[in-house]
Amino acid sequence: MSELDTRHRNALPNDEFAFPHQRKLPREDASHVRNAVARFNQVGDVSDDERDYAWSRIRSAARKFGVAISEKSWRELGKG
């Protein structure tokens, strides 16, 4: 995964994160999208509605960067 140094991460607009209000899980390239899927369940203090929204943002970025995600919902993570 390409590393984001603090300056670069702070310069990203909120829209580049799966959870834009919390600025968690950047999705700026394929490597970050794969990492967002892997770490999705580690994000705390968010509602199910926020998770649904973040998951749709991750799936959209996955399509954009050609990342295959077999799970249709975040609720399927870790069950396969």
PDB file of N, CA and C in Angstrom:
ATOM      1  N   MET A   1       0.852  -1.175   0.000  1.00  0.00           N
ATOM      2  CA  MET A   1       0.000   0.000   0.000  1.00  0.00           C
ATOM      3  C   MET A   1       0.889   1.226   0.000  1.00  0.00           C
ATOM      4  N   SER A   2       0.487   2.194  -0.729  1.00  0.00           N
ATOM      5  CA  SER A   2       1.218   3.450  -0.702  1.00  0.00           C
ATOM      6  C   SER A   2       0.948   4.133   0.637  1.00  0.00           C
ATOM      7  N   GLU A   3       2.021   4.552   1.272  1.00  0.00           N
ATOM      8  CA  GLU A   3       1.911   5.191   2.579  1.00  0.00           C
ATOM      9  C   GLU A   3       1.462   6.638   2.429  1.00  0.00           C
ATOM     10  N   LEU A   4       0.606   7.056   3.309  1.00  0.00           N
ATOM     11  CA  LEU A   4       0.191   8.451   3.365  1.00  0.00           C
ATOM     12  C   LEU A   4       0.897   9.086   4.549  1.00  0.00           C
ATOM     13  N   ASP A   5       1.758  10.035   4.276  1.00  0.00           N
ATOM     14  CA  ASP A   5       2.355  10.736   5.399  1.00  0.00           C
ATOM     15  C   ASP A   5       1.307  11.697   5.963  1.00  0.00           C
ATOM     16  N   THR A   6       1.576  12.219   7.129  1.00  0.00           N
ATOM     17  CA  THR A   6       0.602  13.068   7.817  1.00  0.00           C
ATOM     18  C   THR A   6       0.183  14.262   6.965  1.00  0.00           C
ATOM     19  N   ARG A   7       1.141  14.894   6.317  1.00  0.00           N
ATOM     20  CA  ARG A   7       0.826  16.072   5.503  1.00  0.00           C
ATOM     21  C   ARG A   7      -0.115  15.713   4.352  1.00  0.00           C
ATOM     22  N   HIS A   8       0.168  14.601   3.670  1.00  0.00           N
ATOM     23  CA  HIS A   8      -0.664  14.180   2.547  1.00  0.00           C
ATOM     24  C   HIS A   8      -2.064  13.781   3.025  1.00  0.00           C
ATOM     25  N   ARG A   9      -2.123  13.009   4.117  1.00  0.00           N
ATOM     26  CA  ARG A   9      -3.420  12.582   4.651  1.00  0.00           C
ATOM     27  C   ARG A   9      -4.256  13.792   5.060  1.00  0.00           C
ATOM     28  N   ASN A  10      -3.627  14.757   5.718  1.00  0.00           N
ATOM     29  CA  ASN A  10      -4.353  15.955   6.151  1.00  0.00           C
ATOM     30  C   ASN A  10      -4.824  16.790   4.966  1.00  0.00           C
ATOM     31  N   ALA A  11      -4.130  16.690   3.845  1.00  0.00           N
ATOM     32  CA  ALA A  11      -4.500  17.465   2.658  1.00  0.00           C
ATOM     33  C   ALA A  11      -5.643  16.827   1.872  1.00  0.00           C
ATOM     34  N   LEU A  12      -5.934  15.554   2.132  1.00  0.00           N
ATOM     35  CA  LEU A  12      -7.027  14.893   1.414  1.00  0.00           C
ATOM     36  C   LEU A  12      -8.369  15.514   1.806  1.00  0.00           C
ATOM     37  N   PRO A  13      -9.239  15.714   0.823  1.00  0.00           N
ATOM     38  CA  PRO A  13     -10.586  16.194   1.169  1.00  0.00           C
ATOM     39  C   PRO A  13     -11.367  15.087   1.881  1.00  0.00           C
ATOM     40  N   ASN A  14     -12.330  15.457   2.688  1.00  0.00           N
ATOM     41  CA  ASN A  14     -13.144  14.478   3.410  1.00  0.00           C
ATOM     42  C   ASN A  14     -13.750  13.438   2.476  1.00  0.00           C
ATOM     43  N   ASP A  15     -14.062  13.852   1.257  1.00  0.00           N
ATOM     44  CA  ASP A  15     -14.695  12.964   0.284  1.00  0.00           C
ATOM     45  C   ASP A  15     -13.814  11.770  -0.105  1.00  0.00           C
ATOM     46  N   GLU A  16     -12.530  11.816   0.188  1.00  0.00           N
ATOM     47  CA  GLU A  16     -11.619  10.717  -0.141  1.00  0.00           C
ATOM     48  C   GLU A  16     -11.638   9.594   0.889  1.00  0.00           C
ATOM     49  N   PHE A  17     -12.418   9.749   1.956  1.00  0.00           N
ATOM     50  CA  PHE A  17     -12.478   8.751   3.009  1.00  0.00           C
ATOM     51  C   PHE A  17     -13.802   8.002   2.959  1.00  0.00           C
ATOM     52  N   ALA A  18     -13.764   6.728   3.328  1.00  0.00           N
ATOM     53  CA  ALA A  18     -15.004   5.949   3.378  1.00  0.00           C
ATOM     54  C   ALA A  18     -15.951   6.540   4.424  1.00  0.00           C
ATOM     55  N   PHE A  19     -15.391   6.936   5.555  1.00  0.00           N
ATOM     56  CA  PHE A  19     -16.148   7.612   6.611  1.00  0.00           C
ATOM     57  C   PHE A  19     -15.715   9.070   6.595  1.00  0.00           C
ATOM     58  N   PRO A  20     -16.342   9.904   5.780  1.00  0.00           N
ATOM     59  CA  PRO A  20     -15.854  11.269   5.599  1.00  0.00           C
ATOM     60  C   PRO A  20     -15.912  12.143   6.849  1.00  0.00           C
ATOM     61  N   HIS A  21     -16.914  11.960   7.699  1.00  0.00           N
ATOM     62  CA  HIS A  21     -17.026  12.802   8.897  1.00  0.00           C
ATOM     63  C   HIS A  21     -15.959  12.457   9.927  1.00  0.00           C
ATOM     64  N   GLN A  22     -15.560  11.195   9.957  1.00  0.00           N
ATOM     65  CA  GLN A  22     -14.534  10.758  10.889  1.00  0.00           C
ATOM     66  C   GLN A  22     -13.143  10.768  10.243  1.00  0.00           C
ATOM     67  N   ARG A  23     -13.096  10.976   8.918  1.00  0.00           N
ATOM     68  CA  ARG A  23     -11.847  10.940   8.150  1.00  0.00           C
ATOM     69  C   ARG A  23     -11.103   9.620   8.370  1.00  0.00           C
ATOM     70  N   LYS A  24     -11.867   8.519   8.243  1.00  0.00           N
ATOM     71  CA  LYS A  24     -11.297   7.189   8.419  1.00  0.00           C
ATOM     72  C   LYS A  24     -11.408   6.398   7.129  1.00  0.00           C
ATOM     73  N   LEU A  25     -10.418   5.575   6.891  1.00  0.00           N
ATOM     74  CA  LEU A  25     -10.309   4.679   5.747  1.00  0.00           C
ATOM     75  C   LEU A  25     -10.226   5.446   4.421  1.00  0.00           C
ATOM     76  N   PRO A  26      -9.050   5.986   4.126  1.00  0.00           N
ATOM     77  CA  PRO A  26      -8.882   6.654   2.833  1.00  0.00           C
ATOM     78  C   PRO A  26      -9.081   5.660   1.701  1.00  0.00           C
ATOM     79  N   ARG A  27      -9.566   6.139   0.575  1.00  0.00           N
ATOM     80  CA  ARG A  27      -9.851   5.264  -0.576  1.00  0.00           C
ATOM     81  C   ARG A  27      -9.326   5.915  -1.851  1.00  0.00           C
ATOM     82  N   GLU A  28      -8.081   6.353  -1.792  1.00  0.00           N
ATOM     83  CA  GLU A  28      -7.532   7.114  -2.906  1.00  0.00           C
ATOM     84  C   GLU A  28      -6.889   6.266  -3.991  1.00  0.00           C
ATOM     85  N   ASP A  29      -6.665   4.972  -3.744  1.00  0.00           N
ATOM     86  CA  ASP A  29      -6.130   4.088  -4.777  1.00  0.00           C
ATOM     87  C   ASP A  29      -6.522   2.646  -4.433  1.00  0.00           C
ATOM     88  N   ALA A  30      -6.180   1.707  -5.313  1.00  0.00           N
ATOM     89  CA  ALA A  30      -6.586   0.312  -5.128  1.00  0.00           C
ATOM     90  C   ALA A  30      -6.062  -0.262  -3.813  1.00  0.00           C
ATOM     91  N   SER A  31      -4.841   0.051  -3.467  1.00  0.00           N
ATOM     92  CA  SER A  31      -4.251  -0.462  -2.240  1.00  0.00           C
ATOM     93  C   SER A  31      -5.007   0.040  -1.009  1.00  0.00           C
ATOM     94  N   HIS A  32      -5.377   1.289  -1.017  1.00  0.00           N
ATOM     95  CA  HIS A  32      -6.137   1.841   0.106  1.00  0.00           C
ATOM     96  C   HIS A  32      -7.551   1.262   0.162  1.00  0.00           C
ATOM     97  N   VAL A  33      -8.130   0.958  -0.979  1.00  0.00           N
ATOM     98  CA  VAL A  33      -9.462   0.344  -0.988  1.00  0.00           C
ATOM     99  C   VAL A  33      -9.392  -1.051  -0.358  1.00  0.00           C
ATOM    100  N   ARG A  34      -8.392  -1.841  -0.742  1.00  0.00           N
ATOM    101  CA  ARG A  34      -8.240  -3.171  -0.147  1.00  0.00           C
ATOM    102  C   ARG A  34      -8.019  -3.061   1.362  1.00  0.00           C
ATOM    103  N   ASN A  35      -7.233  -2.098   1.779  1.00  0.00           N
ATOM    104  CA  ASN A  35      -6.990  -1.884   3.202  1.00  0.00           C
ATOM    105  C   ASN A  35      -8.274  -1.454   3.920  1.00  0.00           C
ATOM    106  N   ALA A  36      -9.077  -0.623   3.271  1.00  0.00           N
ATOM    107  CA  ALA A  36     -10.343  -0.181   3.872  1.00  0.00           C
ATOM    108  C   ALA A  36     -11.268  -1.365   4.121  1.00  0.00           C
ATOM    109  N   VAL A  37     -11.303  -2.311   3.182  1.00  0.00           N
ATOM    110  CA  VAL A  37     -12.127  -3.509   3.371  1.00  0.00           C
ATOM    111  C   VAL A  37     -11.589  -4.323   4.550  1.00  0.00           C
ATOM    112  N   ALA A  38     -10.278  -4.509   4.597  1.00  0.00           N
ATOM    113  CA  ALA A  38      -9.664  -5.315   5.648  1.00  0.00           C
ATOM    114  C   ALA A  38      -9.860  -4.711   7.032  1.00  0.00           C
ATOM    115  N   ARG A  39      -9.893  -3.399   7.124  1.00  0.00           N
ATOM    116  CA  ARG A  39      -9.974  -2.726   8.428  1.00  0.00           C
ATOM    117  C   ARG A  39     -11.371  -2.185   8.745  1.00  0.00           C
ATOM    118  N   PHE A  40     -12.324  -2.463   7.884  1.00  0.00           N
ATOM    119  CA  PHE A  40     -13.659  -1.890   8.026  1.00  0.00           C
ATOM    120  C   PHE A  40     -14.253  -2.122   9.414  1.00  0.00           C
ATOM    121  N   ASN A  41     -14.178  -3.352   9.902  1.00  0.00           N
ATOM    122  CA  ASN A  41     -14.800  -3.683  11.188  1.00  0.00           C
ATOM    123  C   ASN A  41     -14.039  -3.122  12.380  1.00  0.00           C
ATOM    124  N   GLN A  42     -12.874  -2.520  12.156  1.00  0.00           N
ATOM    125  CA  GLN A  42     -12.110  -1.922  13.247  1.00  0.00           C
ATOM    126  C   GLN A  42     -12.542  -0.487  13.544  1.00  0.00           C
ATOM    127  N   VAL A  43     -13.353   0.086  12.682  1.00  0.00           N
ATOM    128  CA  VAL A  43     -13.820   1.455  12.891  1.00  0.00           C
ATOM    129  C   VAL A  43     -14.917   1.432  13.959  1.00  0.00           C
ATOM    130  N   GLY A  44     -14.706   2.204  15.008  1.00  0.00           N
ATOM    131  CA  GLY A  44     -15.672   2.239  16.102  1.00  0.00           C
ATOM    132  C   GLY A  44     -16.438   3.546  16.134  1.00  0.00           C
ATOM    133  N   ASP A  45     -17.423   3.585  16.990  1.00  0.00           N
ATOM    134  CA  ASP A  45     -18.220   4.791  17.226  1.00  0.00           C
ATOM    135  C   ASP A  45     -18.912   5.317  15.984  1.00  0.00           C
ATOM    136  N   VAL A  46     -19.445   4.412  15.168  1.00  0.00           N
ATOM    137  CA  VAL A  46     -20.236   4.802  14.003  1.00  0.00           C
ATOM    138  C   VAL A  46     -21.515   3.969  13.989  1.00  0.00           C
ATOM    139  N   SER A  47     -22.564   4.541  13.441  1.00  0.00           N
ATOM    140  CA  SER A  47     -23.851   3.851  13.376  1.00  0.00           C
ATOM    141  C   SER A  47     -23.878   2.880  12.193  1.00  0.00           C
ATOM    142  N   ASP A  48     -24.870   2.014  12.185  1.00  0.00           N
ATOM    143  CA  ASP A  48     -25.049   1.110  11.048  1.00  0.00           C
ATOM    144  C   ASP A  48     -25.325   1.896   9.768  1.00  0.00           C
ATOM    145  N   ASP A  49     -26.058   3.006   9.878  1.00  0.00           N
ATOM    146  CA  ASP A  49     -26.313   3.836   8.701  1.00  0.00           C
ATOM    147  C   ASP A  49     -25.006   4.406   8.149  1.00  0.00           C
ATOM    148  N   GLU A  50     -24.120   4.834   9.041  1.00  0.00           N
ATOM    149  CA  GLU A  50     -22.815   5.330   8.596  1.00  0.00           C
ATOM    150  C   GLU A  50     -22.002   4.211   7.956  1.00  0.00           C
ATOM    151  N   ARG A  51     -22.103   3.008   8.505  1.00  0.00           N
ATOM    152  CA  ARG A  51     -21.403   1.858   7.915  1.00  0.00           C
ATOM    153  C   ARG A  51     -21.961   1.540   6.524  1.00  0.00           C
ATOM    154  N   ASP A  52     -23.274   1.584   6.381  1.00  0.00           N
ATOM    155  CA  ASP A  52     -23.881   1.345   5.062  1.00  0.00           C
ATOM    156  C   ASP A  52     -23.358   2.359   4.051  1.00  0.00           C
ATOM    157  N   TYR A  53     -23.325   3.608   4.438  1.00  0.00           N
ATOM    158  CA  TYR A  53     -22.852   4.678   3.564  1.00  0.00           C
ATOM    159  C   TYR A  53     -21.377   4.477   3.209  1.00  0.00           C
ATOM    160  N   ALA A  54     -20.561   4.178   4.216  1.00  0.00           N
ATOM    161  CA  ALA A  54     -19.137   3.962   3.985  1.00  0.00           C
ATOM    162  C   ALA A  54     -18.911   2.755   3.075  1.00  0.00           C
ATOM    163  N   TRP A  55     -19.684   1.694   3.287  1.00  0.00           N
ATOM    164  CA  TRP A  55     -19.522   0.498   2.448  1.00  0.00           C
ATOM    165  C   TRP A  55     -19.856   0.808   0.992  1.00  0.00           C
ATOM    166  N   SER A  56     -20.886   1.588   0.756  1.00  0.00           N
ATOM    167  CA  SER A  56     -21.226   1.945  -0.629  1.00  0.00           C
ATOM    168  C   SER A  56     -20.108   2.779  -1.242  1.00  0.00           C
ATOM    169  N   ARG A  57     -19.461   3.622  -0.461  1.00  0.00           N
ATOM    170  CA  ARG A  57     -18.348   4.437  -0.944  1.00  0.00           C
ATOM    171  C   ARG A  57     -17.129   3.554  -1.263  1.00  0.00           C
ATOM    172  N   ILE A  58     -16.894   2.547  -0.432  1.00  0.00           N
ATOM    173  CA  ILE A  58     -15.784   1.627  -0.685  1.00  0.00           C
ATOM    174  C   ILE A  58     -16.053   0.820  -1.947  1.00  0.00           C
ATOM    175  N   ARG A  59     -17.276   0.328  -2.110  1.00  0.00           N
ATOM    176  CA  ARG A  59     -17.606  -0.462  -3.316  1.00  0.00           C
ATOM    177  C   ARG A  59     -17.480   0.397  -4.575  1.00  0.00           C
ATOM    178  N   SER A  60     -17.866   1.648  -4.494  1.00  0.00           N
ATOM    179  CA  SER A  60     -17.724   2.554  -5.629  1.00  0.00           C
ATOM    180  C   SER A  60     -16.249   2.752  -5.975  1.00  0.00           C
ATOM    181  N   ALA A  61     -15.416   2.972  -4.975  1.00  0.00           N
ATOM    182  CA  ALA A  61     -13.978   3.129  -5.212  1.00  0.00           C
ATOM    183  C   ALA A  61     -13.375   1.822  -5.741  1.00  0.00           C
ATOM    184  N   ALA A  62     -13.863   0.690  -5.267  1.00  0.00           N
ATOM    185  CA  ALA A  62     -13.363  -0.603  -5.741  1.00  0.00           C
ATOM    186  C   ALA A  62     -13.635  -0.754  -7.242  1.00  0.00           C
ATOM    187  N   ARG A  63     -14.824  -0.391  -7.665  1.00  0.00           N
ATOM    188  CA  ARG A  63     -15.135  -0.446  -9.107  1.00  0.00           C
ATOM    189  C   ARG A  63     -14.209   0.482  -9.881  1.00  0.00           C
ATOM    190  N   LYS A  64     -14.001   1.670  -9.372  1.00  0.00           N
ATOM    191  CA  LYS A  64     -13.152   2.659 -10.034  1.00  0.00           C
ATOM    192  C   LYS A  64     -11.723   2.148 -10.208  1.00  0.00           C
ATOM    193  N   PHE A  65     -11.189   1.452  -9.200  1.00  0.00           N
ATOM    194  CA  PHE A  65      -9.799   1.002  -9.227  1.00  0.00           C
ATOM    195  C   PHE A  65      -9.641  -0.470  -9.604  1.00  0.00           C
ATOM    196  N   GLY A  66     -10.738  -1.141  -9.960  1.00  0.00           N
ATOM    197  CA  GLY A  66     -10.662  -2.532 -10.394  1.00  0.00           C
ATOM    198  C   GLY A  66     -10.361  -3.522  -9.284  1.00  0.00           C
ATOM    199  N   VAL A  67     -10.851  -3.235  -8.085  1.00  0.00           N
ATOM    200  CA  VAL A  67     -10.647  -4.116  -6.934  1.00  0.00           C
ATOM    201  C   VAL A  67     -11.886  -4.990  -6.779  1.00  0.00           C
ATOM    202  N   ALA A  68     -11.685  -6.305  -6.754  1.00  0.00           N
ATOM    203  CA  ALA A  68     -12.806  -7.238  -6.608  1.00  0.00           C
ATOM    204  C   ALA A  68     -13.182  -7.361  -5.131  1.00  0.00           C
ATOM    205  N   ILE A  69     -14.456  -7.155  -4.857  1.00  0.00           N
ATOM    206  CA  ILE A  69     -14.996  -7.349  -3.503  1.00  0.00           C
ATOM    207  C   ILE A  69     -16.180  -8.299  -3.640  1.00  0.00           C
ATOM    208  N   SER A  70     -16.081  -9.454  -2.989  1.00  0.00           N
ATOM    209  CA  SER A  70     -17.152 -10.442  -3.125  1.00  0.00           C
ATOM    210  C   SER A  70     -18.337 -10.151  -2.207  1.00  0.00           C
ATOM    211  N   GLU A  71     -18.087  -9.478  -1.091  1.00  0.00           N
ATOM    212  CA  GLU A  71     -19.158  -9.172  -0.143  1.00  0.00           C
ATOM    213  C   GLU A  71     -20.049  -8.061  -0.694  1.00  0.00           C
ATOM    214  N   LYS A  72     -21.343  -8.273  -0.612  1.00  0.00           N
ATOM    215  CA  LYS A  72     -22.302  -7.267  -1.057  1.00  0.00           C
ATOM    216  C   LYS A  72     -22.585  -6.252   0.051  1.00  0.00           C
ATOM    217  N   SER A  73     -22.366  -6.652   1.288  1.00  0.00           N
ATOM    218  CA  SER A  73     -22.639  -5.805   2.440  1.00  0.00           C
ATOM    219  C   SER A  73     -21.486  -5.936   3.442  1.00  0.00           C
ATOM    220  N   TRP A  74     -21.273  -4.923   4.228  1.00  0.00           N
ATOM    221  CA  TRP A  74     -20.247  -4.999   5.274  1.00  0.00           C
ATOM    222  C   TRP A  74     -20.604  -6.058   6.303  1.00  0.00           C
ATOM    223  N   ARG A  75     -21.877  -6.409   6.408  1.00  0.00           N
ATOM    224  CA  ARG A  75     -22.311  -7.422   7.355  1.00  0.00           C
ATOM    225  C   ARG A  75     -21.787  -8.813   6.981  1.00  0.00           C
ATOM    226  N   GLU A  76     -21.340  -8.996   5.743  1.00  0.00           N
ATOM    227  CA  GLU A  76     -20.806 -10.272   5.273  1.00  0.00           C
ATOM    228  C   GLU A  76     -19.304 -10.417   5.551  1.00  0.00           C
ATOM    229  N   LEU A  77     -18.653  -9.353   5.968  1.00  0.00           N
ATOM    230  CA  LEU A  77     -17.204  -9.405   6.184  1.00  0.00           C
ATOM    231  C   LEU A  77     -16.850 -10.442   7.260  1.00  0.00           C
ATOM    232  N   GLY A  78     -15.865 -11.253   6.953  1.00  0.00           N
ATOM    233  CA  GLY A  78     -15.395 -12.253   7.909  1.00  0.00           C
ATOM    234  C   GLY A  78     -16.260 -13.487   8.039  1.00  0.00           C
ATOM    235  N   LYS A  79     -17.249 -13.621   7.174  1.00  0.00           N
ATOM    236  CA  LYS A  79     -18.153 -14.772   7.265  1.00  0.00           C
ATOM    237  C   LYS A  79     -17.930 -15.771   6.136  1.00  0.00           C
ATOM    238  N   GLY A  80     -16.922 -15.530   5.328  1.00  0.00           N
ATOM    239  CA  GLY A  80     -16.749 -16.415   4.184  1.00  0.00           C
ATOM    240  C   GLY A  80     -15.463 -17.065   4.206  1.00  0.00           C
TER     241      GLY A  80
END
